[in-house]
């Protein structure tokens, strides 16, 4: 199935994220202002939730 041509596609491969910063496989850093569909906006790797998941 082919994707609908609704959103532009970028040649970005995220490899890590912390807070609102995403780093791609080329070392470029991006600010992630997108909270996502039906999710809360807590950023990436929030320490409270990381600790809760670990415990």
PDB file of N, CA and C in Angstrom:
ATOM      1  N   UNK A   1       0.843  -1.180   0.000  1.00  0.00           N
ATOM      2  CA  UNK A   1       0.000   0.000   0.000  1.00  0.00           C
ATOM      3  C   UNK A   1       0.887   1.242   0.000  1.00  0.00           C
ATOM      4  N   UNK A   2       0.580   2.187  -0.827  1.00  0.00           N
ATOM      5  CA  UNK A   2       1.350   3.408  -0.919  1.00  0.00           C
ATOM      6  C   UNK A   2       0.814   4.442   0.075  1.00  0.00           C
ATOM      7  N   UNK A   3       1.717   5.217   0.691  1.00  0.00           N
ATOM      8  CA  UNK A   3       1.299   6.246   1.632  1.00  0.00           C
ATOM      9  C   UNK A   3       0.625   7.406   0.911  1.00  0.00           C
ATOM     10  N   UNK A   4      -0.324   8.025   1.591  1.00  0.00           N
ATOM     11  CA  UNK A   4      -0.939   9.235   1.046  1.00  0.00           C
ATOM     12  C   UNK A   4       0.088  10.360   1.064  1.00  0.00           C
ATOM     13  N   UNK A   5       0.081  11.201   0.074  1.00  0.00           N
ATOM     14  CA  UNK A   5       1.010  12.311  -0.016  1.00  0.00           C
ATOM     15  C   UNK A   5       0.449  13.511   0.757  1.00  0.00           C
ATOM     16  N   UNK A   6       0.379  13.371   2.093  1.00  0.00           N
ATOM     17  CA  UNK A   6      -0.223  14.400   2.934  1.00  0.00           C
ATOM     18  C   UNK A   6       0.847  15.192   3.670  1.00  0.00           C
ATOM     19  N   UNK A   7       1.806  14.494   4.245  1.00  0.00           N
ATOM     20  CA  UNK A   7       2.869  15.132   5.017  1.00  0.00           C
ATOM     21  C   UNK A   7       4.189  14.980   4.276  1.00  0.00           C
ATOM     22  N   UNK A   8       5.036  16.003   4.349  1.00  0.00           N
ATOM     23  CA  UNK A   8       6.348  15.854   3.711  1.00  0.00           C
ATOM     24  C   UNK A   8       7.194  14.832   4.468  1.00  0.00           C
ATOM     25  N   UNK A   9       7.990  14.067   3.752  1.00  0.00           N
ATOM     26  CA  UNK A   9       8.887  13.089   4.362  1.00  0.00           C
ATOM     27  C   UNK A   9      10.299  13.657   4.340  1.00  0.00           C
ATOM     28  N   UNK A  10      10.993  13.519   5.449  1.00  0.00           N
ATOM     29  CA  UNK A  10      12.352  14.030   5.567  1.00  0.00           C
ATOM     30  C   UNK A  10      13.317  12.872   5.752  1.00  0.00           C
ATOM     31  N   UNK A  11      14.515  13.020   5.261  1.00  0.00           N
ATOM     32  CA  UNK A  11      15.533  11.984   5.393  1.00  0.00           C
ATOM     33  C   UNK A  11      16.216  12.127   6.750  1.00  0.00           C
ATOM     34  N   UNK A  12      15.483  11.789   7.816  1.00  0.00           N
ATOM     35  CA  UNK A  12      15.987  11.897   9.184  1.00  0.00           C
ATOM     36  C   UNK A  12      15.777  10.548   9.857  1.00  0.00           C
ATOM     37  N   UNK A  13      16.855  10.000  10.425  1.00  0.00           N
ATOM     38  CA  UNK A  13      16.760   8.748  11.171  1.00  0.00           C
ATOM     39  C   UNK A  13      17.138   9.031  12.613  1.00  0.00           C
ATOM     40  N   UNK A  14      16.124   9.192  13.498  1.00  0.00           N
ATOM     41  CA  UNK A  14      16.432   9.478  14.897  1.00  0.00           C
ATOM     42  C   UNK A  14      17.121   8.289  15.567  1.00  0.00           C
ATOM     43  N   UNK A  15      18.139   8.583  16.378  1.00  0.00           N
ATOM     44  CA  UNK A  15      18.841   7.521  17.096  1.00  0.00           C
ATOM     45  C   UNK A  15      18.795   7.716  18.607  1.00  0.00           C
ATOM     46  N   UNK A  16      18.550   8.958  19.061  1.00  0.00           N
ATOM     47  CA  UNK A  16      18.428   9.184  20.500  1.00  0.00           C
ATOM     48  C   UNK A  16      17.593  10.442  20.737  1.00  0.00           C
ATOM     49  N   UNK A  17      17.060  10.527  21.962  1.00  0.00           N
ATOM     50  CA  UNK A  17      16.246  11.684  22.316  1.00  0.00           C
ATOM     51  C   UNK A  17      16.318  11.909  23.814  1.00  0.00           C
ATOM     52  N   UNK A  18      16.346  13.173  24.200  1.00  0.00           N
ATOM     53  CA  UNK A  18      16.375  13.547  25.616  1.00  0.00           C
ATOM     54  C   UNK A  18      15.685  14.893  25.729  1.00  0.00           C
ATOM     55  N   UNK A  19      14.672  14.990  26.601  1.00  0.00           N
ATOM     56  CA  UNK A  19      13.915  16.225  26.715  1.00  0.00           C
ATOM     57  C   UNK A  19      13.189  16.518  25.418  1.00  0.00           C
ATOM     58  N   UNK A  20      13.467  17.670  24.800  1.00  0.00           N
ATOM     59  CA  UNK A  20      12.852  17.972  23.510  1.00  0.00           C
ATOM     60  C   UNK A  20      13.857  17.908  22.365  1.00  0.00           C
ATOM     61  N   UNK A  21      15.041  17.360  22.622  1.00  0.00           N
ATOM     62  CA  UNK A  21      16.083  17.295  21.588  1.00  0.00           C
ATOM     63  C   UNK A  21      16.188  15.871  21.054  1.00  0.00           C
ATOM     64  N   UNK A  22      16.107  15.757  19.740  1.00  0.00           N
ATOM     65  CA  UNK A  22      16.285  14.479  19.053  1.00  0.00           C
ATOM     66  C   UNK A  22      17.580  14.567  18.251  1.00  0.00           C
ATOM     67  N   UNK A  23      18.390  13.512  18.295  1.00  0.00           N
ATOM     68  CA  UNK A  23      19.636  13.456  17.531  1.00  0.00           C
ATOM     69  C   UNK A  23      19.492  12.387  16.465  1.00  0.00           C
ATOM     70  N   UNK A  24      19.893  12.727  15.238  1.00  0.00           N
ATOM     71  CA  UNK A  24      19.799  11.745  14.159  1.00  0.00           C
ATOM     72  C   UNK A  24      21.113  10.999  13.975  1.00  0.00           C
ATOM     73  N   UNK A  25      21.116  10.087  13.018  1.00  0.00           N
ATOM     74  CA  UNK A  25      22.291   9.237  12.784  1.00  0.00           C
ATOM     75  C   UNK A  25      23.480  10.003  12.214  1.00  0.00           C
ATOM     76  N   UNK A  26      23.287  11.267  11.821  1.00  0.00           N
ATOM     77  CA  UNK A  26      24.395  12.087  11.313  1.00  0.00           C
ATOM     78  C   UNK A  26      24.892  13.068  12.367  1.00  0.00           C
ATOM     79  N   UNK A  27      24.314  13.013  13.582  1.00  0.00           N
ATOM     80  CA  UNK A  27      24.731  13.902  14.655  1.00  0.00           C
ATOM     81  C   UNK A  27      23.985  15.231  14.687  1.00  0.00           C
ATOM     82  N   UNK A  28      23.037  15.434  13.759  1.00  0.00           N
ATOM     83  CA  UNK A  28      22.241  16.655  13.763  1.00  0.00           C
ATOM     84  C   UNK A  28      21.244  16.620  14.913  1.00  0.00           C
ATOM     85  N   UNK A  29      21.002  17.772  15.525  1.00  0.00           N
ATOM     86  CA  UNK A  29      20.059  17.865  16.632  1.00  0.00           C
ATOM     87  C   UNK A  29      18.840  18.659  16.182  1.00  0.00           C
ATOM     88  N   UNK A  30      17.664  18.204  16.620  1.00  0.00           N
ATOM     89  CA  UNK A  30      16.399  18.825  16.256  1.00  0.00           C
ATOM     90  C   UNK A  30      15.580  19.067  17.518  1.00  0.00           C
ATOM     91  N   UNK A  31      14.829  20.149  17.548  1.00  0.00           N
ATOM     92  CA  UNK A  31      13.876  20.371  18.627  1.00  0.00           C
ATOM     93  C   UNK A  31      12.573  19.677  18.248  1.00  0.00           C
ATOM     94  N   UNK A  32      12.060  18.840  19.134  1.00  0.00           N
ATOM     95  CA  UNK A  32      10.836  18.093  18.871  1.00  0.00           C
ATOM     96  C   UNK A  32       9.667  18.810  19.545  1.00  0.00           C
ATOM     97  N   UNK A  33       8.920  19.555  18.768  1.00  0.00           N
ATOM     98  CA  UNK A  33       7.769  20.278  19.295  1.00  0.00           C
ATOM     99  C   UNK A  33       6.477  19.498  19.114  1.00  0.00           C
ATOM    100  N   UNK A  34       6.565  18.294  18.576  1.00  0.00           N
ATOM    101  CA  UNK A  34       5.360  17.514  18.286  1.00  0.00           C
ATOM    102  C   UNK A  34       5.057  16.564  19.437  1.00  0.00           C
ATOM    103  N   UNK A  35       3.892  16.706  20.023  1.00  0.00           N
ATOM    104  CA  UNK A  35       3.506  15.851  21.142  1.00  0.00           C
ATOM    105  C   UNK A  35       2.994  14.490  20.726  1.00  0.00           C
ATOM    106  N   UNK A  36       2.612  14.345  19.497  1.00  0.00           N
ATOM    107  CA  UNK A  36       2.115  13.062  19.016  1.00  0.00           C
ATOM    108  C   UNK A  36       0.606  13.001  19.036  1.00  0.00           C
ATOM    109  N   UNK A  37       0.074  11.946  18.478  1.00  0.00           N
ATOM    110  CA  UNK A  37      -1.372  11.723  18.454  1.00  0.00           C
ATOM    111  C   UNK A  37      -1.789  10.984  19.719  1.00  0.00           C
ATOM    112  N   UNK A  38      -2.687  11.574  20.478  1.00  0.00           N
ATOM    113  CA  UNK A  38      -3.277  10.931  21.666  1.00  0.00           C
ATOM    114  C   UNK A  38      -2.233  10.521  22.703  1.00  0.00           C
ATOM    115  N   UNK A  39      -1.204  11.352  22.886  1.00  0.00           N
ATOM    116  CA  UNK A  39      -0.201  11.097  23.918  1.00  0.00           C
ATOM    117  C   UNK A  39       0.019  12.374  24.717  1.00  0.00           C
ATOM    118  N   UNK A  40       0.624  12.240  25.889  1.00  0.00           N
ATOM    119  CA  UNK A  40       0.940  13.434  26.670  1.00  0.00           C
ATOM    120  C   UNK A  40       2.303  13.961  26.242  1.00  0.00           C
ATOM    121  N   UNK A  41       2.508  15.237  26.407  1.00  0.00           N
ATOM    122  CA  UNK A  41       3.777  15.853  26.007  1.00  0.00           C
ATOM    123  C   UNK A  41       4.686  15.989  27.218  1.00  0.00           C
ATOM    124  N   UNK A  42       5.481  14.967  27.478  1.00  0.00           N
ATOM    125  CA  UNK A  42       6.410  15.007  28.617  1.00  0.00           C
ATOM    126  C   UNK A  42       7.855  15.076  28.153  1.00  0.00           C
ATOM    127  N   UNK A  43       8.064  15.075  26.843  1.00  0.00           N
ATOM    128  CA  UNK A  43       9.423  15.053  26.321  1.00  0.00           C
ATOM    129  C   UNK A  43       9.930  13.626  26.244  1.00  0.00           C
ATOM    130  N   UNK A  44      11.180  13.487  25.891  1.00  0.00           N
ATOM    131  CA  UNK A  44      11.797  12.172  25.757  1.00  0.00           C
ATOM    132  C   UNK A  44      12.636  11.881  26.989  1.00  0.00           C
ATOM    133  N   UNK A  45      12.556  10.664  27.486  1.00  0.00           N
ATOM    134  CA  UNK A  45      13.379  10.197  28.612  1.00  0.00           C
ATOM    135  C   UNK A  45      13.182  11.025  29.874  1.00  0.00           C
ATOM    136  N   UNK A  46      11.938  11.376  30.156  1.00  0.00           N
ATOM    137  CA  UNK A  46      11.656  12.138  31.384  1.00  0.00           C
ATOM    138  C   UNK A  46      12.088  11.293  32.578  1.00  0.00           C
ATOM    139  N   UNK A  47      12.907  11.830  33.497  1.00  0.00           N
ATOM    140  CA  UNK A  47      13.474  11.031  34.590  1.00  0.00           C
ATOM    141  C   UNK A  47      12.421  10.371  35.483  1.00  0.00           C
ATOM    142  N   UNK A  48      11.304  11.032  35.744  1.00  0.00           N
ATOM    143  CA  UNK A  48      10.258  10.447  36.589  1.00  0.00           C
ATOM    144  C   UNK A  48       9.707   9.163  35.959  1.00  0.00           C
ATOM    145  N   UNK A  49       9.397   9.235  34.671  1.00  0.00           N
ATOM    146  CA  UNK A  49       8.804   8.072  34.008  1.00  0.00           C
ATOM    147  C   UNK A  49       9.826   6.972  33.757  1.00  0.00           C
ATOM    148  N   UNK A  50      11.069   7.351  33.519  1.00  0.00           N
ATOM    149  CA  UNK A  50      12.135   6.336  33.371  1.00  0.00           C
ATOM    150  C   UNK A  50      12.266   5.555  34.682  1.00  0.00           C
ATOM    151  N   UNK A  51      12.282   6.251  35.794  1.00  0.00           N
ATOM    152  CA  UNK A  51      12.400   5.583  37.102  1.00  0.00           C
ATOM    153  C   UNK A  51      11.188   4.697  37.378  1.00  0.00           C
ATOM    154  N   UNK A  52      10.008   5.162  37.052  1.00  0.00           N
ATOM    155  CA  UNK A  52       8.788   4.362  37.252  1.00  0.00           C
ATOM    156  C   UNK A  52       8.811   3.099  36.412  1.00  0.00           C
ATOM    157  N   UNK A  53       9.278   3.209  35.181  1.00  0.00           N
ATOM    158  CA  UNK A  53       9.349   2.029  34.304  1.00  0.00           C
ATOM    159  C   UNK A  53      10.387   1.049  34.846  1.00  0.00           C
ATOM    160  N   UNK A  54      11.521   1.565  35.327  1.00  0.00           N
ATOM    161  CA  UNK A  54      12.555   0.684  35.876  1.00  0.00           C
ATOM    162  C   UNK A  54      12.071  -0.057  37.114  1.00  0.00           C
ATOM    163  N   UNK A  55      11.283   0.633  37.955  1.00  0.00           N
ATOM    164  CA  UNK A  55      10.833  -0.016  39.199  1.00  0.00           C
ATOM    165  C   UNK A  55       9.618  -0.878  38.929  1.00  0.00           C
TER     166      UNK A  55
END
